[in-house]
Amino acid sequence: MQFDQIYLYDKIKRMSIHVTKNELPDFSKFVQQLEDRGESMTVDQTVIAYRRYQTQLAQLRAELQAAADDLDAGLGTDLDMDSIIKEGRKILADEGITD
């Protein structure tokens, strides 16, 4: 564990919402991404945002797994890009937007 992770863990382990030692590598990456985007949050706000991110990620994984299961069961159809483009152009044309 790196020094900054130990320092961060020391600060967040006293909170009611905390990050476990096992989560520190992922949490550190999350914090770095926030810093890279110029976002500034308190430790409390960062942990709450991290938990929200984890929840959203878990929901997305569940949705993707359900879709993969449907495909495995033969419930998928071929993607017809020409039809999708045609439909998109029609929608735009109906709104007065043309090429």
N, C-alpha and C. Protein backbone atom coordinates (compact mmCIF):
# COMPACT_ATOMS: atom_id res chain seq x y z
N MET A 1 0.85 -1.17 0.00
CA MET A 1 0.00 0.00 0.00
C MET A 1 0.90 1.24 0.00
N GLN A 2 0.58 2.20 -0.86
CA GLN A 2 1.37 3.41 -0.97
C GLN A 2 1.06 4.36 0.19
N PHE A 3 1.98 5.29 0.43
CA PHE A 3 1.82 6.23 1.54
C PHE A 3 0.52 7.02 1.41
N ASP A 4 0.21 7.54 0.21
CA ASP A 4 -1.01 8.33 0.06
C ASP A 4 -2.25 7.50 0.33
N GLN A 5 -2.20 6.20 0.01
CA GLN A 5 -3.32 5.33 0.30
C GLN A 5 -3.47 5.12 1.81
N ILE A 6 -2.36 4.98 2.51
CA ILE A 6 -2.40 4.81 3.97
C ILE A 6 -2.97 6.07 4.62
N TYR A 7 -2.51 7.23 4.19
CA TYR A 7 -3.01 8.50 4.72
C TYR A 7 -4.50 8.63 4.47
N LEU A 8 -4.92 8.34 3.24
CA LEU A 8 -6.32 8.43 2.88
C LEU A 8 -7.14 7.44 3.69
N TYR A 9 -6.63 6.22 3.82
CA TYR A 9 -7.35 5.21 4.59
C TYR A 9 -7.51 5.65 6.04
N ASP A 10 -6.47 6.25 6.61
CA ASP A 10 -6.53 6.74 7.98
C ASP A 10 -7.64 7.78 8.14
N LYS A 11 -7.80 8.64 7.16
CA LYS A 11 -8.84 9.67 7.22
C LYS A 11 -10.23 9.09 7.05
N ILE A 12 -10.39 8.11 6.13
CA ILE A 12 -11.73 7.63 5.82
C ILE A 12 -12.21 6.49 6.70
N LYS A 13 -11.31 5.83 7.41
CA LYS A 13 -11.77 4.70 8.24
C LYS A 13 -12.57 5.20 9.45
N ARG A 14 -12.46 6.48 9.77
CA ARG A 14 -13.22 7.04 10.89
C ARG A 14 -14.62 7.48 10.47
N MET A 15 -14.93 7.42 9.20
CA MET A 15 -16.22 7.86 8.70
C MET A 15 -17.24 6.73 8.79
N SER A 16 -18.53 7.10 8.78
CA SER A 16 -19.57 6.08 8.80
C SER A 16 -19.62 5.35 7.45
N ILE A 17 -19.31 6.05 6.40
CA ILE A 17 -19.15 5.43 5.08
C ILE A 17 -17.66 5.38 4.85
N HIS A 18 -17.13 4.19 4.70
CA HIS A 18 -15.68 4.09 4.58
C HIS A 18 -15.28 3.23 3.39
N VAL A 19 -14.03 3.26 3.11
CA VAL A 19 -13.44 2.44 2.05
C VAL A 19 -12.52 1.44 2.72
N THR A 20 -12.68 0.19 2.37
CA THR A 20 -11.84 -0.85 2.97
C THR A 20 -10.46 -0.86 2.34
N LYS A 21 -9.54 -1.51 3.01
CA LYS A 21 -8.18 -1.62 2.47
C LYS A 21 -8.18 -2.29 1.11
N ASN A 22 -9.05 -3.27 0.91
CA ASN A 22 -9.13 -3.97 -0.37
C ASN A 22 -9.59 -3.05 -1.50
N GLU A 23 -10.35 -2.02 -1.16
CA GLU A 23 -10.87 -1.10 -2.16
C GLU A 23 -9.92 0.05 -2.48
N LEU A 24 -8.87 0.20 -1.70
CA LEU A 24 -8.00 1.37 -1.86
C LEU A 24 -7.41 1.54 -3.26
N PRO A 25 -6.95 0.49 -3.92
CA PRO A 25 -6.42 0.72 -5.27
C PRO A 25 -7.46 1.31 -6.23
N ASP A 26 -8.68 0.77 -6.22
CA ASP A 26 -9.73 1.31 -7.09
C ASP A 26 -10.15 2.70 -6.64
N PHE A 27 -10.23 2.90 -5.34
CA PHE A 27 -10.61 4.22 -4.82
C PHE A 27 -9.54 5.25 -5.19
N SER A 28 -8.29 4.87 -5.09
CA SER A 28 -7.20 5.79 -5.46
C SER A 28 -7.29 6.18 -6.93
N LYS A 29 -7.60 5.22 -7.79
CA LYS A 29 -7.77 5.53 -9.22
C LYS A 29 -8.94 6.49 -9.42
N PHE A 30 -10.03 6.25 -8.68
CA PHE A 30 -11.21 7.11 -8.77
C PHE A 30 -10.85 8.54 -8.36
N VAL A 31 -10.12 8.68 -7.27
CA VAL A 31 -9.70 10.00 -6.78
C VAL A 31 -8.79 10.66 -7.82
N GLN A 32 -7.89 9.90 -8.41
CA GLN A 32 -6.98 10.46 -9.42
C GLN A 32 -7.76 10.97 -10.63
N GLN A 33 -8.78 10.22 -11.03
CA GLN A 33 -9.61 10.65 -12.16
C GLN A 33 -10.33 11.96 -11.83
N LEU A 34 -10.81 12.09 -10.60
CA LEU A 34 -11.45 13.34 -10.19
C LEU A 34 -10.46 14.49 -10.26
N GLU A 35 -9.26 14.25 -9.75
CA GLU A 35 -8.23 15.29 -9.76
C GLU A 35 -7.84 15.65 -11.19
N ASP A 36 -7.74 14.66 -12.06
CA ASP A 36 -7.38 14.91 -13.45
C ASP A 36 -8.42 15.79 -14.15
N ARG A 37 -9.68 15.64 -13.73
CA ARG A 37 -10.75 16.45 -14.31
C ARG A 37 -10.90 17.81 -13.62
N GLY A 38 -10.07 18.03 -12.60
CA GLY A 38 -10.12 19.31 -11.89
C GLY A 38 -11.24 19.40 -10.87
N GLU A 39 -11.81 18.27 -10.49
CA GLU A 39 -12.89 18.27 -9.51
C GLU A 39 -12.30 18.24 -8.11
N SER A 40 -12.85 19.06 -7.26
CA SER A 40 -12.37 19.14 -5.88
C SER A 40 -13.52 18.81 -4.94
N MET A 41 -13.30 17.81 -4.09
CA MET A 41 -14.32 17.38 -3.14
C MET A 41 -13.68 17.14 -1.79
N THR A 42 -14.50 17.19 -0.76
CA THR A 42 -14.03 16.79 0.55
C THR A 42 -13.89 15.27 0.55
N VAL A 43 -13.25 14.74 1.56
CA VAL A 43 -13.11 13.28 1.66
C VAL A 43 -14.48 12.64 1.73
N ASP A 44 -15.38 13.22 2.55
CA ASP A 44 -16.74 12.68 2.67
C ASP A 44 -17.43 12.64 1.30
N GLN A 45 -17.37 13.75 0.57
CA GLN A 45 -18.01 13.83 -0.74
C GLN A 45 -17.40 12.83 -1.71
N THR A 46 -16.10 12.65 -1.63
CA THR A 46 -15.41 11.73 -2.53
C THR A 46 -15.84 10.29 -2.26
N VAL A 47 -15.94 9.92 -1.00
CA VAL A 47 -16.36 8.55 -0.67
C VAL A 47 -17.80 8.33 -1.10
N ILE A 48 -18.65 9.30 -0.90
CA ILE A 48 -20.05 9.18 -1.33
C ILE A 48 -20.12 9.05 -2.86
N ALA A 49 -19.35 9.87 -3.57
CA ALA A 49 -19.31 9.79 -5.04
C ALA A 49 -18.79 8.43 -5.49
N TYR A 50 -17.78 7.92 -4.78
CA TYR A 50 -17.23 6.60 -5.11
C TYR A 50 -18.28 5.51 -4.92
N ARG A 51 -19.02 5.57 -3.83
CA ARG A 51 -20.08 4.58 -3.58
C ARG A 51 -21.16 4.68 -4.67
N ARG A 52 -21.51 5.89 -5.06
CA ARG A 52 -22.51 6.08 -6.12
C ARG A 52 -21.98 5.48 -7.44
N TYR A 53 -20.71 5.73 -7.72
CA TYR A 53 -20.07 5.18 -8.92
C TYR A 53 -20.11 3.65 -8.88
N GLN A 54 -19.79 3.06 -7.73
CA GLN A 54 -19.81 1.60 -7.60
C GLN A 54 -21.22 1.05 -7.85
N THR A 55 -22.23 1.73 -7.34
CA THR A 55 -23.62 1.30 -7.53
C THR A 55 -23.99 1.35 -9.00
N GLN A 56 -23.64 2.46 -9.67
CA GLN A 56 -23.94 2.59 -11.09
C GLN A 56 -23.20 1.53 -11.90
N LEU A 57 -21.96 1.28 -11.55
CA LEU A 57 -21.17 0.27 -12.25
C LEU A 57 -21.77 -1.12 -12.08
N ALA A 58 -22.22 -1.42 -10.88
CA ALA A 58 -22.86 -2.72 -10.62
C ALA A 58 -24.15 -2.86 -11.42
N GLN A 59 -24.93 -1.79 -11.52
CA GLN A 59 -26.17 -1.82 -12.30
C GLN A 59 -25.86 -2.03 -13.78
N LEU A 60 -24.85 -1.33 -14.28
CA LEU A 60 -24.46 -1.49 -15.68
C LEU A 60 -23.99 -2.91 -15.96
N ARG A 61 -23.18 -3.45 -15.06
CA ARG A 61 -22.71 -4.82 -15.25
C ARG A 61 -23.87 -5.81 -15.27
N ALA A 62 -24.86 -5.60 -14.41
CA ALA A 62 -26.04 -6.48 -14.38
C ALA A 62 -26.82 -6.37 -15.69
N GLU A 63 -26.98 -5.16 -16.20
CA GLU A 63 -27.70 -4.97 -17.46
C GLU A 63 -26.94 -5.61 -18.63
N LEU A 64 -25.63 -5.44 -18.63
CA LEU A 64 -24.83 -6.05 -19.70
C LEU A 64 -24.86 -7.57 -19.62
N GLN A 65 -24.84 -8.10 -18.41
CA GLN A 65 -24.90 -9.55 -18.25
C GLN A 65 -26.24 -10.09 -18.74
N ALA A 66 -27.31 -9.37 -18.42
CA ALA A 66 -28.64 -9.79 -18.89
C ALA A 66 -28.69 -9.78 -20.41
N ALA A 67 -28.11 -8.76 -21.03
CA ALA A 67 -28.08 -8.68 -22.49
C ALA A 67 -27.24 -9.82 -23.07
N ALA A 68 -26.10 -10.10 -22.46
CA ALA A 68 -25.25 -11.19 -22.91
C ALA A 68 -25.97 -12.54 -22.79
N ASP A 69 -26.70 -12.71 -21.69
CA ASP A 69 -27.47 -13.94 -21.49
C ASP A 69 -28.54 -14.09 -22.58
N ASP A 70 -29.21 -12.97 -22.93
CA ASP A 70 -30.21 -13.01 -24.00
C ASP A 70 -29.57 -13.42 -25.32
N LEU A 71 -28.39 -12.86 -25.61
CA LEU A 71 -27.69 -13.21 -26.85
C LEU A 71 -27.30 -14.69 -26.84
N ASP A 72 -26.82 -15.15 -25.69
CA ASP A 72 -26.44 -16.57 -25.58
C ASP A 72 -27.64 -17.49 -25.78
N ALA A 73 -28.82 -17.00 -25.40
CA ALA A 73 -30.04 -17.80 -25.54
C ALA A 73 -30.64 -17.68 -26.94
N GLY A 74 -29.96 -16.94 -27.83
CA GLY A 74 -30.44 -16.81 -29.20
C GLY A 74 -31.54 -15.77 -29.37
N LEU A 75 -31.68 -14.87 -28.42
CA LEU A 75 -32.76 -13.88 -28.47
C LEU A 75 -32.36 -12.59 -29.19
N GLY A 76 -31.13 -12.52 -29.66
CA GLY A 76 -30.67 -11.31 -30.33
C GLY A 76 -31.02 -11.32 -31.81
N THR A 77 -30.91 -10.14 -32.41
CA THR A 77 -31.12 -10.01 -33.86
C THR A 77 -29.91 -9.32 -34.45
N ASP A 78 -29.73 -9.48 -35.75
CA ASP A 78 -28.63 -8.81 -36.43
C ASP A 78 -28.86 -7.30 -36.43
N LEU A 79 -27.78 -6.58 -36.33
CA LEU A 79 -27.83 -5.12 -36.33
C LEU A 79 -27.86 -4.65 -37.78
N ASP A 80 -28.91 -3.92 -38.13
CA ASP A 80 -29.08 -3.41 -39.49
C ASP A 80 -28.76 -1.92 -39.48
N MET A 81 -27.49 -1.59 -39.73
CA MET A 81 -27.05 -0.19 -39.67
C MET A 81 -27.76 0.68 -40.70
N ASP A 82 -28.00 0.16 -41.89
CA ASP A 82 -28.68 0.95 -42.92
C ASP A 82 -30.06 1.38 -42.44
N SER A 83 -30.77 0.47 -41.81
CA SER A 83 -32.10 0.78 -41.29
C SER A 83 -32.03 1.82 -40.17
N ILE A 84 -31.04 1.71 -39.32
CA ILE A 84 -30.87 2.66 -38.21
C ILE A 84 -30.57 4.05 -38.76
N ILE A 85 -29.68 4.12 -39.74
CA ILE A 85 -29.33 5.41 -40.34
C ILE A 85 -30.55 6.02 -41.03
N LYS A 86 -31.27 5.20 -41.76
CA LYS A 86 -32.47 5.67 -42.46
C LYS A 86 -33.49 6.22 -41.47
N GLU A 87 -33.70 5.51 -40.38
CA GLU A 87 -34.66 5.96 -39.37
C GLU A 87 -34.20 7.26 -38.71
N GLY A 88 -32.90 7.35 -38.42
CA GLY A 88 -32.36 8.58 -37.83
C GLY A 88 -32.52 9.76 -38.75
N ARG A 89 -32.27 9.56 -40.04
CA ARG A 89 -32.44 10.65 -41.01
C ARG A 89 -33.89 11.08 -41.11
N LYS A 90 -34.82 10.12 -41.03
CA LYS A 90 -36.24 10.44 -41.08
C LYS A 90 -36.64 11.29 -39.87
N ILE A 91 -36.16 10.89 -38.70
CA ILE A 91 -36.47 11.66 -37.48
C ILE A 91 -35.95 13.07 -37.60
N LEU A 92 -34.71 13.22 -38.08
CA LEU A 92 -34.13 14.56 -38.25
C LEU A 92 -34.90 15.35 -39.30
N ALA A 93 -35.28 14.71 -40.40
CA ALA A 93 -36.04 15.40 -41.46
C ALA A 93 -37.38 15.86 -40.93
N ASP A 94 -38.03 15.04 -40.11
CA ASP A 94 -39.31 15.43 -39.51
C ASP A 94 -39.17 16.67 -38.63
N GLU A 95 -37.99 16.87 -38.10
CA GLU A 95 -37.71 18.06 -37.27
C GLU A 95 -37.14 19.21 -38.10
N GLY A 96 -37.06 19.01 -39.41
CA GLY A 96 -36.58 20.06 -40.29
C GLY A 96 -35.07 20.10 -40.43
N ILE A 97 -34.39 19.07 -40.01
CA ILE A 97 -32.93 19.02 -40.09
C ILE A 97 -32.57 18.10 -41.25
N THR A 98 -31.79 18.63 -42.20
CA THR A 98 -31.38 17.83 -43.34
C THR A 98 -29.87 17.83 -43.46
N ASP A 99 -29.33 16.95 -44.29
CA ASP A 99 -27.88 16.85 -44.50
C ASP A 99 -27.33 18.16 -44.91
